[in-house]
């Protein structure tokens, strides 16, 4: 039987004089000082672009945006301080258009069209690791320093993963909070497939968490805008356990 595609190599998808956009594999750290978590995006990028490593800064590259360890997709890296500051300001001001693909558990209703989730997100005081995030709706005293968060969700189709109902969606985060998309999906009652953390450590069977950053548009001011789209990893051709209906 065919197995799911499990690519673990950083891929360069776009490069200019000031920036490079790469496709980050799932289950890979962006950078780390610990030898046992390598390779990282930084170490693989150093192999791909050895002449562009900046030895004056930690890890050799200026990462403009971040992705969770389990999330795959597009990362922007700047080659100098000025370019990094320019792009970071656009991310911080929510001027960058970001789109993600995901598979979520269950059947998410499309009766009302697109779904706009406006739920503040803060640190979950119940997590001794200081890792999990939460919304303050039901237990505000357990949600530390919540900040406004907004995500637009569009239903792309339905199907099954390993025999269980799933919904394929696109997500456009208006804000950029930690674990925002994962928490907002959980808020709707539809956890992302393979999200071990937010499924209460139950959803461990899938080979990865099904969340991928596939589109990035950065409206740079003094040079051409960056517009990049990656392939869709959530297709039956890539994963034989996935079945999608024709919609």
Protein backbone atom coordinates (compact mmCIF):
# COMPACT_ATOMS: atom_id res chain seq x y z
CA UNK A 1 0.00 0.00 0.00
CA UNK A 2 1.22 3.52 -0.79
CA UNK A 3 2.33 5.67 2.10
CA UNK A 4 1.80 9.36 2.77
CA UNK A 5 4.34 11.81 1.38
CA UNK A 6 6.65 12.78 4.24
CA UNK A 7 8.99 15.42 2.80
CA UNK A 8 11.57 16.67 5.30
CA UNK A 9 13.65 18.98 3.14
CA UNK A 10 13.47 22.78 3.14
CA UNK A 11 12.60 23.99 -0.36
CA UNK A 12 13.34 27.44 -1.76
CA UNK A 13 10.26 28.68 -3.61
CA UNK A 14 11.12 32.36 -4.20
CA UNK A 15 14.25 34.48 -3.88
CA UNK A 16 15.14 38.15 -4.39
CA UNK A 17 18.17 40.25 -3.47
CA UNK A 18 16.67 40.92 -0.03
CA UNK A 19 14.47 37.93 0.79
CA UNK A 20 14.03 34.22 0.36
CA UNK A 21 10.74 32.36 0.82
CA UNK A 22 11.03 28.70 1.76
CA UNK A 23 8.60 25.85 2.20
CA UNK A 24 9.14 24.47 5.72
CA UNK A 25 8.49 20.76 6.30
CA UNK A 26 6.16 19.65 9.07
CA UNK A 27 7.74 18.56 12.38
CA UNK A 28 10.81 20.74 12.01
CA UNK A 29 12.05 23.54 14.26
CA UNK A 30 13.00 26.84 12.67
CA UNK A 31 16.16 27.05 14.77
CA UNK A 32 17.59 25.58 17.95
CA UNK A 33 20.76 25.48 20.05
CA UNK A 34 20.17 21.83 20.91
CA UNK A 35 21.94 19.25 18.77
CA UNK A 36 19.24 16.60 19.24
CA UNK A 37 16.58 18.70 17.46
CA UNK A 38 18.59 19.23 14.28
CA UNK A 39 18.23 19.49 11.34
CA UNK A 40 16.35 22.78 11.55
CA UNK A 41 15.22 25.21 8.88
CA UNK A 42 18.29 27.32 9.69
CA UNK A 43 20.77 24.46 9.29
CA UNK A 44 19.22 23.28 6.03
CA UNK A 45 19.06 26.83 4.69
CA UNK A 46 22.76 27.24 5.48
CA UNK A 47 23.46 24.23 3.27
CA UNK A 48 21.33 25.64 0.45
CA UNK A 49 22.64 29.23 0.69
CA UNK A 50 26.07 29.02 2.35
CA UNK A 51 27.29 32.39 1.04
CA UNK A 52 24.30 34.19 2.58
CA UNK A 53 24.79 33.01 6.15
CA UNK A 54 25.28 36.03 8.42
CA UNK A 55 27.76 34.89 11.06
CA UNK A 56 27.17 38.04 13.11
CA UNK A 57 23.70 36.90 14.21
CA UNK A 58 22.41 33.86 16.01
CA UNK A 59 21.49 30.98 13.66
CA UNK A 60 22.78 32.91 10.63
CA UNK A 61 19.44 34.11 9.20
CA UNK A 62 16.76 36.70 10.00
CA UNK A 63 13.40 34.93 10.11
CA UNK A 64 10.60 37.41 9.52
CA UNK A 65 7.67 35.16 10.45
CA UNK A 66 7.31 31.93 12.40
CA UNK A 67 5.48 28.63 12.06
CA UNK A 68 4.79 26.02 14.73
CA UNK A 69 7.02 22.95 14.79
CA UNK A 70 4.17 20.79 13.46
CA UNK A 71 2.99 23.25 10.79
CA UNK A 72 4.41 23.18 7.26
CA UNK A 73 4.52 25.95 4.70
CA UNK A 74 5.87 29.35 3.80
CA UNK A 75 8.50 31.22 5.78
CA UNK A 76 10.05 34.57 4.89
CA UNK A 77 13.74 35.17 5.62
CA UNK A 78 15.47 38.52 5.12
CA UNK A 79 19.12 38.86 4.14
CA UNK A 80 19.81 42.10 6.03
CA UNK A 81 18.55 44.07 9.02
CA UNK A 82 16.78 46.77 7.00
CA UNK A 83 14.82 44.25 4.92
CA UNK A 84 13.93 42.27 8.04
CA UNK A 85 12.61 45.34 9.87
CA UNK A 86 10.55 46.42 6.85
CA UNK A 87 8.85 43.04 6.46
CA UNK A 88 8.33 42.53 10.20
CA UNK A 89 6.50 45.84 10.47
CA UNK A 90 4.11 44.70 7.74
CA UNK A 91 3.46 41.43 9.58
CA UNK A 92 2.96 43.23 12.90
CA UNK A 93 0.54 45.72 11.32
CA UNK A 94 -1.47 42.83 9.80
CA UNK A 95 -0.77 44.06 6.25
CA UNK A 96 0.49 40.66 5.06
CA UNK A 97 -2.03 38.29 3.47
CA UNK A 98 -1.60 34.73 4.77
CA UNK A 99 -3.64 31.69 3.84
CA UNK A 100 -3.49 28.20 5.27
CA UNK A 101 -4.98 24.85 4.35
CA UNK A 102 -6.20 22.41 6.98
CA UNK A 103 -8.17 19.24 7.55
CA UNK A 104 -10.42 19.35 10.61
CA UNK A 105 -12.31 16.57 12.35
CA UNK A 106 -16.03 16.23 11.67
CA UNK A 107 -18.44 18.02 9.33
CA UNK A 108 -18.17 21.80 9.58
CA UNK A 109 -21.44 23.35 8.40
CA UNK A 110 -21.31 25.63 5.36
CA UNK A 111 -24.90 26.90 5.75
CA UNK A 112 -23.82 30.45 6.50
CA UNK A 113 -20.96 30.69 4.01
CA UNK A 114 -17.58 31.83 5.27
CA UNK A 115 -17.00 31.72 9.02
CA UNK A 116 -15.44 34.65 10.84
CA UNK A 117 -14.02 33.69 14.23
CA UNK A 118 -13.37 36.58 16.60
CA UNK A 119 -12.08 35.09 19.83
CA UNK A 120 -9.32 36.53 21.98
CA UNK A 121 -6.43 34.18 22.74
CA UNK A 122 -4.24 34.01 25.83
CA UNK A 123 -1.90 31.66 27.65
CA UNK A 124 -3.59 28.69 29.33
CA UNK A 125 -2.60 28.84 33.01
CA UNK A 126 -3.44 25.13 33.38
CA UNK A 127 -0.49 24.11 31.20
CA UNK A 128 2.65 23.82 33.37
CA UNK A 129 4.81 23.97 30.22
CA UNK A 130 3.50 27.42 29.31
CA UNK A 131 2.76 26.11 25.82
CA UNK A 132 -1.00 25.81 25.30
CA UNK A 133 -3.18 28.77 24.45
CA UNK A 134 -6.89 29.24 25.17
CA UNK A 135 -9.86 31.59 24.85
CA UNK A 136 -11.21 33.38 27.94
CA UNK A 137 -14.93 32.77 27.25
CA UNK A 138 -15.71 30.18 29.93
CA UNK A 139 -12.85 30.50 32.43
CA UNK A 140 -11.37 34.00 32.05
CA UNK A 141 -9.24 33.62 35.19
CA UNK A 142 -7.45 30.67 33.56
CA UNK A 143 -6.58 32.60 30.39
CA UNK A 144 -3.58 34.85 30.91
CA UNK A 145 -3.24 38.14 28.98
CA UNK A 146 -5.75 37.42 26.18
CA UNK A 147 -5.36 39.46 23.00
CA UNK A 148 -7.84 40.03 20.19
CA UNK A 149 -7.64 37.43 17.43
CA UNK A 150 -9.55 37.04 14.17
CA UNK A 151 -9.63 34.27 11.55
CA UNK A 152 -11.68 33.90 8.36
CA UNK A 153 -12.49 30.28 7.48
CA UNK A 154 -13.77 28.99 4.15
CA UNK A 155 -15.00 25.44 3.59
CA UNK A 156 -13.38 23.78 0.58
CA UNK A 157 -14.93 20.34 0.77
CA UNK A 158 -15.67 17.20 2.75
CA UNK A 159 -14.29 13.71 2.91
CA UNK A 160 -12.78 11.11 5.19
CA UNK A 161 -9.39 10.56 6.74
CA UNK A 162 -8.66 6.97 7.68
CA UNK A 163 -12.41 6.33 7.51
CA UNK A 164 -13.47 9.25 9.72
CA UNK A 165 -15.34 12.40 8.60
CA UNK A 166 -13.24 15.48 7.90
CA UNK A 167 -13.72 18.95 6.43
CA UNK A 168 -11.10 20.63 4.28
CA UNK A 169 -10.83 24.37 4.92
CA UNK A 170 -8.78 27.43 4.12
CA UNK A 171 -7.93 29.82 6.93
CA UNK A 172 -6.97 33.48 6.60
CA UNK A 173 -5.66 34.87 9.90
CA UNK A 174 -6.26 38.60 10.25
CA UNK A 175 -4.13 38.68 13.38
CA UNK A 176 -1.10 36.58 14.24
CA UNK A 177 -1.44 35.09 17.71
CA UNK A 178 0.37 32.00 18.89
CA UNK A 179 -1.56 28.83 17.92
CA UNK A 180 -4.37 31.08 16.65
CA UNK A 181 -5.65 28.79 13.90
CA UNK A 182 -5.48 25.68 16.05
CA UNK A 183 -7.36 27.32 18.92
CA UNK A 184 -9.99 28.90 16.67
CA UNK A 185 -10.70 25.54 15.00
CA UNK A 186 -11.03 23.97 18.44
CA UNK A 187 -13.42 26.76 19.44
CA UNK A 188 -15.71 25.70 16.58
CA UNK A 189 -15.63 22.13 17.89
CA UNK A 190 -13.51 20.85 14.99
CA UNK A 191 -9.92 20.14 15.99
CA UNK A 192 -7.28 19.99 13.26
CA UNK A 193 -6.51 16.41 12.25
CA UNK A 194 -3.34 15.26 13.99
CA UNK A 195 -3.26 18.13 16.50
CA UNK A 196 -2.05 16.17 19.51
CA UNK A 197 -1.91 19.19 21.82
CA UNK A 198 -5.42 20.55 21.30
CA UNK A 199 -7.11 17.15 21.04
CA UNK A 200 -6.18 16.57 24.70
CA UNK A 201 -3.31 14.37 23.51
CA UNK A 202 -5.65 11.91 21.80
CA UNK A 203 -5.21 12.51 18.06
CA UNK A 204 -1.83 10.82 17.61
CA UNK A 205 -2.49 8.35 14.79
CA UNK A 206 -2.00 10.65 11.73
CA UNK A 207 1.60 10.99 10.57
CA UNK A 208 1.41 14.80 10.88
CA UNK A 209 -0.78 17.71 11.94
CA UNK A 210 -2.80 18.73 8.88
CA UNK A 211 -2.06 22.47 8.80
CA UNK A 212 -0.09 24.10 5.99
CA UNK A 213 0.74 27.73 5.16
CA UNK A 214 0.24 27.80 1.39
CA UNK A 215 -0.06 31.47 0.37
CA UNK A 216 1.89 34.57 1.36
CA UNK A 217 1.55 38.11 -0.01
CA UNK A 218 3.87 40.78 1.38
CA UNK A 219 3.21 44.33 0.03
CA UNK A 220 6.76 45.70 0.19
CA UNK A 221 7.03 49.44 -0.34
CA UNK A 222 10.29 50.08 -2.18
CA UNK A 223 10.49 46.86 -4.20
CA UNK A 224 8.04 44.49 -5.92
CA UNK A 225 5.53 42.78 -3.65
CA UNK A 226 6.18 39.15 -2.80
CA UNK A 227 3.36 36.80 -3.80
CA UNK A 228 4.01 33.09 -3.35
CA UNK A 229 1.81 29.99 -3.32
CA UNK A 230 2.88 26.41 -2.59
CA UNK A 231 1.39 23.08 -3.59
CA UNK A 232 -1.56 21.57 -1.69
CA UNK A 233 -0.27 18.71 0.52
CA UNK A 234 -3.77 17.56 1.48
CA UNK A 235 -4.74 15.63 -1.62
CA UNK A 236 -5.40 11.89 -2.01
CA UNK A 237 -2.39 11.69 -4.34
CA UNK A 238 -0.16 12.64 -1.40
CA UNK A 239 -1.91 10.59 1.27
CA UNK A 240 -3.80 7.33 0.55
CA UNK A 241 -5.72 7.62 3.85
CA UNK A 242 -7.41 10.79 2.59
CA UNK A 243 -10.61 10.67 0.55
CA UNK A 244 -12.25 13.87 -0.71
CA UNK A 245 -15.70 14.23 -2.21
CA UNK A 246 -16.19 15.93 -5.57
CA UNK A 247 -17.88 19.22 -4.70
